[in-house]
Amino acid sequence: YSDSVKGRFTISRDSAKNTLYLQMNSLKPEDTGVYFC
């Protein structure tokens, strides 16, 4: 994790759905942007 998101964001994977996730909590204005996997 980057230092700026450590403790707030969690990356995970669901093998059954073949899907990657990014759970983002305690969001801040500086988290604004286009997110790419």
PDB file of all heavy atoms in Angstrom:
ATOM      1  N   TYR A   1       0.847  -1.191   0.000  1.00  0.00           N
ATOM      2  CA  TYR A   1       0.000   0.000   0.000  1.00  0.00           C
ATOM      3  C   TYR A   1       0.884   1.244   0.000  1.00  0.00           C
ATOM      4  O   TYR A   1       1.971   1.237   0.582  1.00  0.00           O
ATOM      5  CB  TYR A   1      -0.899   0.049   1.233  1.00  0.00           C
ATOM      6  CG  TYR A   1      -1.934  -1.040   1.303  1.00  0.00           C
ATOM      7  CD1 TYR A   1      -1.681  -2.239   1.973  1.00  0.00           C
ATOM      8  CD2 TYR A   1      -3.177  -0.878   0.688  1.00  0.00           C
ATOM      9  CE1 TYR A   1      -2.635  -3.245   2.017  1.00  0.00           C
ATOM     10  CE2 TYR A   1      -4.137  -1.877   0.734  1.00  0.00           C
ATOM     11  CZ  TYR A   1      -3.856  -3.056   1.398  1.00  0.00           C
ATOM     12  OH  TYR A   1      -4.807  -4.047   1.452  1.00  0.00           O
ATOM     13  N   SER A   2       0.389   2.299  -0.619  1.00  0.00           N
ATOM     14  CA  SER A   2       1.094   3.565  -0.506  1.00  0.00           C
ATOM     15  C   SER A   2       0.901   4.101   0.910  1.00  0.00           C
ATOM     16  O   SER A   2      -0.095   3.783   1.578  1.00  0.00           O
ATOM     17  CB  SER A   2       0.554   4.568  -1.529  1.00  0.00           C
ATOM     18  OG  SER A   2      -0.758   4.973  -1.188  1.00  0.00           O
ATOM     19  N   ASP A   3       1.816   4.905   1.357  1.00  0.00           N
ATOM     20  CA  ASP A   3       1.725   5.448   2.714  1.00  0.00           C
ATOM     21  C   ASP A   3       0.465   6.292   2.890  1.00  0.00           C
ATOM     22  O   ASP A   3      -0.110   6.352   3.979  1.00  0.00           O
ATOM     23  CB  ASP A   3       2.962   6.291   3.026  1.00  0.00           C
ATOM     24  CG  ASP A   3       4.213   5.450   3.200  1.00  0.00           C
ATOM     25  OD1 ASP A   3       4.087   4.221   3.433  1.00  0.00           O
ATOM     26  OD2 ASP A   3       5.319   6.013   3.101  1.00  0.00           O
ATOM     27  N   SER A   4       0.021   6.928   1.823  1.00  0.00           N
ATOM     28  CA  SER A   4      -1.115   7.833   1.925  1.00  0.00           C
ATOM     29  C   SER A   4      -2.447   7.106   2.137  1.00  0.00           C
ATOM     30  O   SER A   4      -3.418   7.728   2.575  1.00  0.00           O
ATOM     31  CB  SER A   4      -1.199   8.709   0.681  1.00  0.00           C
ATOM     32  OG  SER A   4      -1.409   7.924  -0.476  1.00  0.00           O
ATOM     33  N   VAL A   5      -2.510   5.809   1.821  1.00  0.00           N
ATOM     34  CA  VAL A   5      -3.774   5.085   1.962  1.00  0.00           C
ATOM     35  C   VAL A   5      -3.693   3.955   2.980  1.00  0.00           C
ATOM     36  O   VAL A   5      -4.712   3.341   3.312  1.00  0.00           O
ATOM     37  CB  VAL A   5      -4.258   4.522   0.609  1.00  0.00           C
ATOM     38  CG1 VAL A   5      -4.298   5.605  -0.449  1.00  0.00           C
ATOM     39  CG2 VAL A   5      -3.428   3.345   0.155  1.00  0.00           C
ATOM     40  N   LYS A   6      -2.504   3.662   3.475  1.00  0.00           N
ATOM     41  CA  LYS A   6      -2.324   2.555   4.414  1.00  0.00           C
ATOM     42  C   LYS A   6      -3.217   2.747   5.632  1.00  0.00           C
ATOM     43  O   LYS A   6      -3.268   3.812   6.236  1.00  0.00           O
ATOM     44  CB  LYS A   6      -0.856   2.470   4.824  1.00  0.00           C
ATOM     45  CG  LYS A   6      -0.438   1.153   5.442  1.00  0.00           C
ATOM     46  CD  LYS A   6       1.075   1.125   5.644  1.00  0.00           C
ATOM     47  CE  LYS A   6       1.823   1.182   4.343  1.00  0.00           C
ATOM     48  NZ  LYS A   6       3.297   1.078   4.530  1.00  0.00           N
ATOM     49  N   GLY A   7      -3.949   1.693   5.982  1.00  0.00           N
ATOM     50  CA  GLY A   7      -4.859   1.760   7.112  1.00  0.00           C
ATOM     51  C   GLY A   7      -6.255   2.220   6.747  1.00  0.00           C
ATOM     52  O   GLY A   7      -7.187   2.083   7.551  1.00  0.00           O
ATOM     53  N   ARG A   8      -6.432   2.761   5.538  1.00  0.00           N
ATOM     54  CA  ARG A   8      -7.757   3.227   5.099  1.00  0.00           C
ATOM     55  C   ARG A   8      -8.285   2.404   3.923  1.00  0.00           C
ATOM     56  O   ARG A   8      -9.496   2.217   3.803  1.00  0.00           O
ATOM     57  CB  ARG A   8      -7.683   4.697   4.680  1.00  0.00           C
ATOM     58  CG  ARG A   8      -7.232   5.644   5.770  1.00  0.00           C
ATOM     59  CD  ARG A   8      -7.376   7.103   5.336  1.00  0.00           C
ATOM     60  NE  ARG A   8      -6.522   7.436   4.204  1.00  0.00           N
ATOM     61  CZ  ARG A   8      -6.971   7.913   3.042  1.00  0.00           C
ATOM     62  NH1 ARG A   8      -8.263   8.117   2.859  1.00  0.00           N
ATOM     63  NH2 ARG A   8      -6.125   8.207   2.054  1.00  0.00           N
ATOM     64  N   PHE A   9      -7.412   1.959   3.059  1.00  0.00           N
ATOM     65  CA  PHE A   9      -7.804   1.199   1.861  1.00  0.00           C
ATOM     66  C   PHE A   9      -7.397  -0.258   2.025  1.00  0.00           C
ATOM     67  O   PHE A   9      -6.364  -0.570   2.638  1.00  0.00           O
ATOM     68  CB  PHE A   9      -7.115   1.755   0.611  1.00  0.00           C
ATOM     69  CG  PHE A   9      -7.568   3.113   0.161  1.00  0.00           C
ATOM     70  CD1 PHE A   9      -8.375   3.923   0.958  1.00  0.00           C
ATOM     71  CD2 PHE A   9      -7.191   3.591  -1.086  1.00  0.00           C
ATOM     72  CE1 PHE A   9      -8.792   5.176   0.536  1.00  0.00           C
ATOM     73  CE2 PHE A   9      -7.591   4.840  -1.534  1.00  0.00           C
ATOM     74  CZ  PHE A   9      -8.376   5.636  -0.720  1.00  0.00           C
ATOM     75  N   THR A  10      -8.185  -1.144   1.407  1.00  0.00           N
ATOM     76  CA  THR A  10      -7.873  -2.569   1.430  1.00  0.00           C
ATOM     77  C   THR A  10      -8.073  -3.149   0.032  1.00  0.00           C
ATOM     78  O   THR A  10      -9.147  -2.995  -0.557  1.00  0.00           O
ATOM     79  CB  THR A  10      -8.769  -3.322   2.416  1.00  0.00           C
ATOM     80  OG1 THR A  10      -8.626  -2.765   3.725  1.00  0.00           O
ATOM     81  CG2 THR A  10      -8.383  -4.799   2.466  1.00  0.00           C
ATOM     82  N   ILE A  11      -7.052  -3.816  -0.469  1.00  0.00           N
ATOM     83  CA  ILE A  11      -7.152  -4.500  -1.755  1.00  0.00           C
ATOM     84  C   ILE A  11      -7.471  -5.964  -1.496  1.00  0.00           C
ATOM     85  O   ILE A  11      -6.953  -6.573  -0.560  1.00  0.00           O
ATOM     86  CB  ILE A  11      -5.844  -4.345  -2.570  1.00  0.00           C
ATOM     87  CG1 ILE A  11      -6.009  -4.926  -3.978  1.00  0.00           C
ATOM     88  CG2 ILE A  11      -4.656  -4.961  -1.848  1.00  0.00           C
ATOM     89  CD1 ILE A  11      -4.819  -4.635  -4.894  1.00  0.00           C
ATOM     90  N   SER A  12      -8.357  -6.510  -2.333  1.00  0.00           N
ATOM     91  CA  SER A  12      -8.714  -7.912  -2.157  1.00  0.00           C
ATOM     92  C   SER A  12      -9.110  -8.507  -3.503  1.00  0.00           C
ATOM     93  O   SER A  12      -9.268  -7.787  -4.492  1.00  0.00           O
ATOM     94  CB  SER A  12      -9.856  -8.070  -1.153  1.00  0.00           C
ATOM     95  OG  SER A  12     -11.034  -7.437  -1.628  1.00  0.00           O
ATOM     96  N   ARG A  13      -9.294  -9.824  -3.506  1.00  0.00           N
ATOM     97  CA  ARG A  13      -9.620 -10.534  -4.737  1.00  0.00           C
ATOM     98  C   ARG A  13     -10.659 -11.594  -4.430  1.00  0.00           C
ATOM     99  O   ARG A  13     -10.592 -12.254  -3.399  1.00  0.00           O
ATOM    100  CB  ARG A  13      -8.357 -11.181  -5.286  1.00  0.00           C
ATOM    101  CG  ARG A  13      -8.529 -12.105  -6.464  1.00  0.00           C
ATOM    102  CD  ARG A  13      -7.416 -13.120  -6.515  1.00  0.00           C
ATOM    103  NE  ARG A  13      -7.431 -13.947  -5.328  1.00  0.00           N
ATOM    104  CZ  ARG A  13      -6.595 -14.936  -5.090  1.00  0.00           C
ATOM    105  NH1 ARG A  13      -5.647 -15.205  -5.977  1.00  0.00           N
ATOM    106  NH2 ARG A  13      -6.659 -15.644  -4.003  1.00  0.00           N
ATOM    107  N   ASP A  14     -11.629 -11.744  -5.318  1.00  0.00           N
ATOM    108  CA  ASP A  14     -12.618 -12.812  -5.218  1.00  0.00           C
ATOM    109  C   ASP A  14     -12.363 -13.759  -6.383  1.00  0.00           C
ATOM    110  O   ASP A  14     -12.663 -13.429  -7.536  1.00  0.00           O
ATOM    111  CB  ASP A  14     -14.031 -12.231  -5.283  1.00  0.00           C
ATOM    112  CG  ASP A  14     -15.102 -13.285  -5.059  1.00  0.00           C
ATOM    113  OD1 ASP A  14     -14.895 -14.461  -5.448  1.00  0.00           O
ATOM    114  OD2 ASP A  14     -16.155 -12.934  -4.507  1.00  0.00           O
ATOM    115  N   SER A  15     -11.787 -14.917  -6.072  1.00  0.00           N
ATOM    116  CA  SER A  15     -11.434 -15.853  -7.146  1.00  0.00           C
ATOM    117  C   SER A  15     -12.669 -16.392  -7.857  1.00  0.00           C
ATOM    118  O   SER A  15     -12.649 -16.621  -9.062  1.00  0.00           O
ATOM    119  CB  SER A  15     -10.617 -17.012  -6.567  1.00  0.00           C
ATOM    120  OG  SER A  15      -9.365 -16.568  -6.109  1.00  0.00           O
ATOM    121  N   ALA A  16     -13.744 -16.595  -7.115  1.00  0.00           N
ATOM    122  CA  ALA A  16     -14.964 -17.148  -7.712  1.00  0.00           C
ATOM    123  C   ALA A  16     -15.544 -16.196  -8.754  1.00  0.00           C
ATOM    124  O   ALA A  16     -16.083 -16.618  -9.772  1.00  0.00           O
ATOM    125  CB  ALA A  16     -15.986 -17.446  -6.630  1.00  0.00           C
ATOM    126  N   LYS A  17     -15.425 -14.900  -8.505  1.00  0.00           N
ATOM    127  CA  LYS A  17     -15.961 -13.900  -9.431  1.00  0.00           C
ATOM    128  C   LYS A  17     -14.879 -13.352 -10.359  1.00  0.00           C
ATOM    129  O   LYS A  17     -15.168 -12.533 -11.227  1.00  0.00           O
ATOM    130  CB  LYS A  17     -16.597 -12.750  -8.655  1.00  0.00           C
ATOM    131  CG  LYS A  17     -17.806 -13.169  -7.824  1.00  0.00           C
ATOM    132  CD  LYS A  17     -18.420 -11.980  -7.111  1.00  0.00           C
ATOM    133  CE  LYS A  17     -19.649 -12.408  -6.323  1.00  0.00           C
ATOM    134  NZ  LYS A  17     -20.257 -11.268  -5.590  1.00  0.00           N
ATOM    135  N   ASN A  18     -13.633 -13.775 -10.147  1.00  0.00           N
ATOM    136  CA  ASN A  18     -12.502 -13.272 -10.934  1.00  0.00           C
ATOM    137  C   ASN A  18     -12.460 -11.747 -10.935  1.00  0.00           C
ATOM    138  O   ASN A  18     -12.321 -11.092 -11.977  1.00  0.00           O
ATOM    139  CB  ASN A  18     -12.577 -13.791 -12.368  1.00  0.00           C
ATOM    140  CG  ASN A  18     -11.242 -14.308 -12.859  1.00  0.00           C
ATOM    141  OD1 ASN A  18     -10.567 -15.056 -12.166  1.00  0.00           O
ATOM    142  ND2 ASN A  18     -10.847 -13.917 -14.054  1.00  0.00           N
ATOM    143  N   THR A  19     -12.617 -11.202  -9.748  1.00  0.00           N
ATOM    144  CA  THR A  19     -12.747  -9.757  -9.593  1.00  0.00           C
ATOM    145  C   THR A  19     -11.799  -9.255  -8.517  1.00  0.00           C
ATOM    146  O   THR A  19     -11.622  -9.900  -7.482  1.00  0.00           O
ATOM    147  CB  THR A  19     -14.195  -9.379  -9.242  1.00  0.00           C
ATOM    148  OG1 THR A  19     -15.054  -9.793 -10.304  1.00  0.00           O
ATOM    149  CG2 THR A  19     -14.342  -7.881  -9.040  1.00  0.00           C
ATOM    150  N   LEU A  20     -11.225  -8.097  -8.787  1.00  0.00           N
ATOM    151  CA  LEU A  20     -10.345  -7.402  -7.853  1.00  0.00           C
ATOM    152  C   LEU A  20     -11.137  -6.265  -7.218  1.00  0.00           C
ATOM    153  O   LEU A  20     -11.956  -5.635  -7.902  1.00  0.00           O
ATOM    154  CB  LEU A  20      -9.149  -6.845  -8.619  1.00  0.00           C
ATOM    155  CG  LEU A  20      -8.087  -6.042  -7.881  1.00  0.00           C
ATOM    156  CD1 LEU A  20      -7.297  -6.943  -6.951  1.00  0.00           C
ATOM    157  CD2 LEU A  20      -7.172  -5.351  -8.882  1.00  0.00           C
ATOM    158  N   TYR A  21     -10.908  -5.996  -5.937  1.00  0.00           N
ATOM    159  CA  TYR A  21     -11.628  -4.927  -5.244  1.00  0.00           C
ATOM    160  C   TYR A  21     -10.652  -3.966  -4.574  1.00  0.00           C
ATOM    161  O   TYR A  21      -9.521  -4.319  -4.247  1.00  0.00           O
ATOM    162  CB  TYR A  21     -12.548  -5.504  -4.168  1.00  0.00           C
ATOM    163  CG  TYR A  21     -13.618  -6.423  -4.694  1.00  0.00           C
ATOM    164  CD1 TYR A  21     -13.493  -7.800  -4.583  1.00  0.00           C
ATOM    165  CD2 TYR A  21     -14.762  -5.899  -5.299  1.00  0.00           C
ATOM    166  CE1 TYR A  21     -14.478  -8.642  -5.071  1.00  0.00           C
ATOM    167  CE2 TYR A  21     -15.747  -6.737  -5.785  1.00  0.00           C
ATOM    168  CZ  TYR A  21     -15.607  -8.102  -5.672  1.00  0.00           C
ATOM    169  OH  TYR A  21     -16.581  -8.931  -6.166  1.00  0.00           O
ATOM    170  N   LEU A  22     -11.129  -2.742  -4.367  1.00  0.00           N
ATOM    171  CA  LEU A  22     -10.429  -1.774  -3.538  1.00  0.00           C
ATOM    172  C   LEU A  22     -11.464  -1.139  -2.621  1.00  0.00           C
ATOM    173  O   LEU A  22     -12.304  -0.360  -3.071  1.00  0.00           O
ATOM    174  CB  LEU A  22      -9.732  -0.699  -4.374  1.00  0.00           C
ATOM    175  CG  LEU A  22      -8.902   0.301  -3.559  1.00  0.00           C
ATOM    176  CD1 LEU A  22      -7.675  -0.403  -2.962  1.00  0.00           C
ATOM    177  CD2 LEU A  22      -8.457   1.483  -4.428  1.00  0.00           C
ATOM    178  N   GLN A  23     -11.435  -1.521  -1.358  1.00  0.00           N
ATOM    179  CA  GLN A  23     -12.325  -0.925  -0.361  1.00  0.00           C
ATOM    180  C   GLN A  23     -11.656   0.327   0.171  1.00  0.00           C
ATOM    181  O   GLN A  23     -10.526   0.264   0.683  1.00  0.00           O
ATOM    182  CB  GLN A  23     -12.586  -1.911   0.777  1.00  0.00           C
ATOM    183  CG  GLN A  23     -13.443  -1.349   1.890  1.00  0.00           C
ATOM    184  CD  GLN A  23     -14.871  -1.055   1.443  1.00  0.00           C
ATOM    185  OE1 GLN A  23     -15.481  -1.859   0.747  1.00  0.00           O
ATOM    186  NE2 GLN A  23     -15.387   0.098   1.848  1.00  0.00           N
ATOM    187  N   MET A  24     -12.340   1.455   0.037  1.00  0.00           N
ATOM    188  CA  MET A  24     -11.771   2.735   0.443  1.00  0.00           C
ATOM    189  C   MET A  24     -12.616   3.327   1.556  1.00  0.00           C
ATOM    190  O   MET A  24     -13.809   3.609   1.353  1.00  0.00           O
ATOM    191  CB  MET A  24     -11.728   3.689  -0.760  1.00  0.00           C
ATOM    192  CG  MET A  24     -11.009   3.125  -1.971  1.00  0.00           C
ATOM    193  SD  MET A  24     -10.815   4.306  -3.319  1.00  0.00           S
ATOM    194  CE  MET A  24     -12.523   4.559  -3.777  1.00  0.00           C
ATOM    195  N   ASN A  25     -12.024   3.494   2.718  1.00  0.00           N
ATOM    196  CA  ASN A  25     -12.703   4.066   3.881  1.00  0.00           C
ATOM    197  C   ASN A  25     -12.046   5.375   4.288  1.00  0.00           C
ATOM    198  O   ASN A  25     -10.921   5.668   3.878  1.00  0.00           O
ATOM    199  CB  ASN A  25     -12.659   3.079   5.052  1.00  0.00           C
ATOM    200  CG  ASN A  25     -13.354   1.770   4.748  1.00  0.00           C
ATOM    201  OD1 ASN A  25     -14.339   1.713   4.002  1.00  0.00           O
ATOM    202  ND2 ASN A  25     -12.848   0.692   5.322  1.00  0.00           N
ATOM    203  N   SER A  26     -12.749   6.148   5.084  1.00  0.00           N
ATOM    204  CA  SER A  26     -12.224   7.426   5.585  1.00  0.00           C
ATOM    205  C   SER A  26     -11.662   8.273   4.449  1.00  0.00           C
ATOM    206  O   SER A  26     -10.541   8.794   4.530  1.00  0.00           O
ATOM    207  CB  SER A  26     -11.140   7.171   6.651  1.00  0.00           C
ATOM    208  OG  SER A  26     -11.653   6.406   7.717  1.00  0.00           O
ATOM    209  N   LEU A  27     -12.439   8.398   3.411  1.00  0.00           N
ATOM    210  CA  LEU A  27     -11.965   9.098   2.227  1.00  0.00           C
ATOM    211  C   LEU A  27     -11.714  10.575   2.489  1.00  0.00           C
ATOM    212  O   LEU A  27     -12.426  11.214   3.277  1.00  0.00           O
ATOM    213  CB  LEU A  27     -12.957   8.916   1.079  1.00  0.00           C
ATOM    214  CG  LEU A  27     -12.876   7.541   0.399  1.00  0.00           C
ATOM    215  CD1 LEU A  27     -14.144   7.239  -0.376  1.00  0.00           C
ATOM    216  CD2 LEU A  27     -11.672   7.483  -0.517  1.00  0.00           C
ATOM    217  N   LYS A  28     -10.701  11.091   1.804  1.00  0.00           N
ATOM    218  CA  LYS A  28     -10.292  12.485   1.933  1.00  0.00           C
ATOM    219  C   LYS A  28     -10.374  13.166   0.568  1.00  0.00           C
ATOM    220  O   LYS A  28     -10.283  12.493  -0.459  1.00  0.00           O
ATOM    221  CB  LYS A  28      -8.850  12.557   2.444  1.00  0.00           C
ATOM    222  CG  LYS A  28      -8.598  11.819   3.742  1.00  0.00           C
ATOM    223  CD  LYS A  28      -7.121  11.846   4.102  1.00  0.00           C
ATOM    224  CE  LYS A  28      -6.833  11.092   5.388  1.00  0.00           C
ATOM    225  NZ  LYS A  28      -5.393  11.114   5.733  1.00  0.00           N
ATOM    226  N   PRO A  29     -10.498  14.482   0.534  1.00  0.00           N
ATOM    227  CA  PRO A  29     -10.529  15.177  -0.762  1.00  0.00           C
ATOM    228  C   PRO A  29      -9.312  14.859  -1.626  1.00  0.00           C
ATOM    229  O   PRO A  29      -9.435  14.795  -2.865  1.00  0.00           O
ATOM    230  CB  PRO A  29     -10.568  16.645  -0.356  1.00  0.00           C
ATOM    231  CG  PRO A  29     -11.262  16.650   0.974  1.00  0.00           C
ATOM    232  CD  PRO A  29     -10.776  15.395   1.655  1.00  0.00           C
ATOM    233  N   GLU A  30      -8.176  14.639  -1.013  1.00  0.00           N
ATOM    234  CA  GLU A  30      -6.959  14.332  -1.790  1.00  0.00           C
ATOM    235  C   GLU A  30      -6.972  12.930  -2.404  1.00  0.00           C
ATOM    236  O   GLU A  30      -6.077  12.578  -3.165  1.00  0.00           O
ATOM    237  CB  GLU A  30      -5.698  14.508  -0.932  1.00  0.00           C
ATOM    238  CG  GLU A  30      -5.725  13.786   0.386  1.00  0.00           C
ATOM    239  CD  GLU A  30      -6.150  14.701   1.529  1.00  0.00           C
ATOM    240  OE1 GLU A  30      -7.115  15.476   1.359  1.00  0.00           O
ATOM    241  OE2 GLU A  30      -5.523  14.598   2.611  1.00  0.00           O
ATOM    242  N   ASP A  31      -7.976  12.127  -2.090  1.00  0.00           N
ATOM    243  CA  ASP A  31      -8.136  10.824  -2.738  1.00  0.00           C
ATOM    244  C   ASP A  31      -8.848  10.948  -4.086  1.00  0.00           C
ATOM    245  O   ASP A  31      -8.989   9.961  -4.809  1.00  0.00           O
ATOM    246  CB  ASP A  31      -8.934   9.866  -1.850  1.00  0.00           C
ATOM    247  CG  ASP A  31      -8.211   9.508  -0.569  1.00  0.00           C
ATOM    248  OD1 ASP A  31      -6.990   9.261  -0.629  1.00  0.00           O
ATOM    249  OD2 ASP A  31      -8.877   9.466   0.495  1.00  0.00           O
ATOM    250  N   THR A  32      -9.300  12.133  -4.413  1.00  0.00           N
ATOM    251  CA  THR A  32     -10.005  12.364  -5.676  1.00  0.00           C
ATOM    252  C   THR A  32      -9.110  12.073  -6.875  1.00  0.00           C
ATOM    253  O   THR A  32      -7.930  12.446  -6.882  1.00  0.00           O
ATOM    254  CB  THR A  32     -10.497  13.819  -5.744  1.00  0.00           C
ATOM    255  OG1 THR A  32     -11.491  14.010  -4.736  1.00  0.00           O
ATOM    256  CG2 THR A  32     -11.089  14.141  -7.104  1.00  0.00           C
ATOM    257  N   GLY A  33      -9.671  11.393  -7.872  1.00  0.00           N
ATOM    258  CA  GLY A  33      -8.935  11.100  -9.088  1.00  0.00           C
ATOM    259  C   GLY A  33      -9.593   9.980  -9.861  1.00  0.00           C
ATOM    260  O   GLY A  33     -10.616   9.434  -9.437  1.00  0.00           O
ATOM    261  N   VAL A  34      -8.992   9.640 -10.982  1.00  0.00           N
ATOM    262  CA  VAL A  34      -9.432   8.482 -11.758  1.00  0.00           C
ATOM    263  C   VAL A  34      -8.621   7.287 -11.281  1.00  0.00           C
ATOM    264  O   VAL A  34      -7.391   7.335 -11.250  1.00  0.00           O
ATOM    265  CB  VAL A  34      -9.231   8.706 -13.264  1.00  0.00           C
ATOM    266  CG1 VAL A  34      -9.685   7.474 -14.040  1.00  0.00           C
ATOM    267  CG2 VAL A  34      -9.990   9.944 -13.719  1.00  0.00           C
ATOM    268  N   TYR A  35      -9.333   6.236 -10.919  1.00  0.00           N
ATOM    269  CA  TYR A  35      -8.699   5.039 -10.395  1.00  0.00           C
ATOM    270  C   TYR A  35      -8.649   3.958 -11.481  1.00  0.00           C
ATOM    271  O   TYR A  35      -9.666   3.681 -12.140  1.00  0.00           O
ATOM    272  CB  TYR A  35      -9.461   4.529  -9.175  1.00  0.00           C
ATOM    273  CG  TYR A  35      -9.153   5.324  -7.929  1.00  0.00           C
ATOM    274  CD1 TYR A  35      -9.573   6.645  -7.812  1.00  0.00           C
ATOM    275  CD2 TYR A  35      -8.426   4.772  -6.875  1.00  0.00           C
ATOM    276  CE1 TYR A  35      -9.280   7.392  -6.683  1.00  0.00           C
ATOM    277  CE2 TYR A  35      -8.125   5.498  -5.739  1.00  0.00           C
ATOM    278  CZ  TYR A  35      -8.557   6.810  -5.649  1.00  0.00           C
ATOM    279  OH  TYR A  35      -8.248   7.550  -4.518  1.00  0.00           O
ATOM    280  N   PHE A  36      -7.471   3.359 -11.622  1.00  0.00           N
ATOM    281  CA  PHE A  36      -7.236   2.338 -12.625  1.00  0.00           C
ATOM    282  C   PHE A  36      -6.797   1.041 -11.965  1.00  0.00           C
ATOM    283  O   PHE A  36      -5.995   1.059 -11.027  1.00  0.00           O
ATOM    284  CB  PHE A  36      -6.120   2.763 -13.583  1.00  0.00           C
ATOM    285  CG  PHE A  36      -6.389   4.018 -14.353  1.00  0.00           C
ATOM    286  CD1 PHE A  36      -6.049   5.258 -13.820  1.00  0.00           C
ATOM    287  CD2 PHE A  36      -6.963   3.971 -15.609  1.00  0.00           C
ATOM    288  CE1 PHE A  36      -6.281   6.430 -14.536  1.00  0.00           C
ATOM    289  CE2 PHE A  36      -7.201   5.132 -16.327  1.00  0.00           C
ATOM    290  CZ  PHE A  36      -6.869   6.354 -15.785  1.00  0.00           C
ATOM    291  N   CYS A  37      -7.309  -0.085 -12.471  1.00  0.00           N
ATOM    292  CA  CYS A  37      -6.789  -1.373 -12.050  1.00  0.00           C
ATOM    293  C   CYS A  37      -5.801  -1.860 -13.117  1.00  0.00           C
ATOM    294  O   CYS A  37      -5.915  -1.494 -14.290  1.00  0.00           O
ATOM    295  CB  CYS A  37      -7.891  -2.385 -11.812  1.00  0.00           C
ATOM    296  SG  CYS A  37      -9.071  -2.601 -13.166  1.00  0.00           S
TER     297      CYS A  37
END
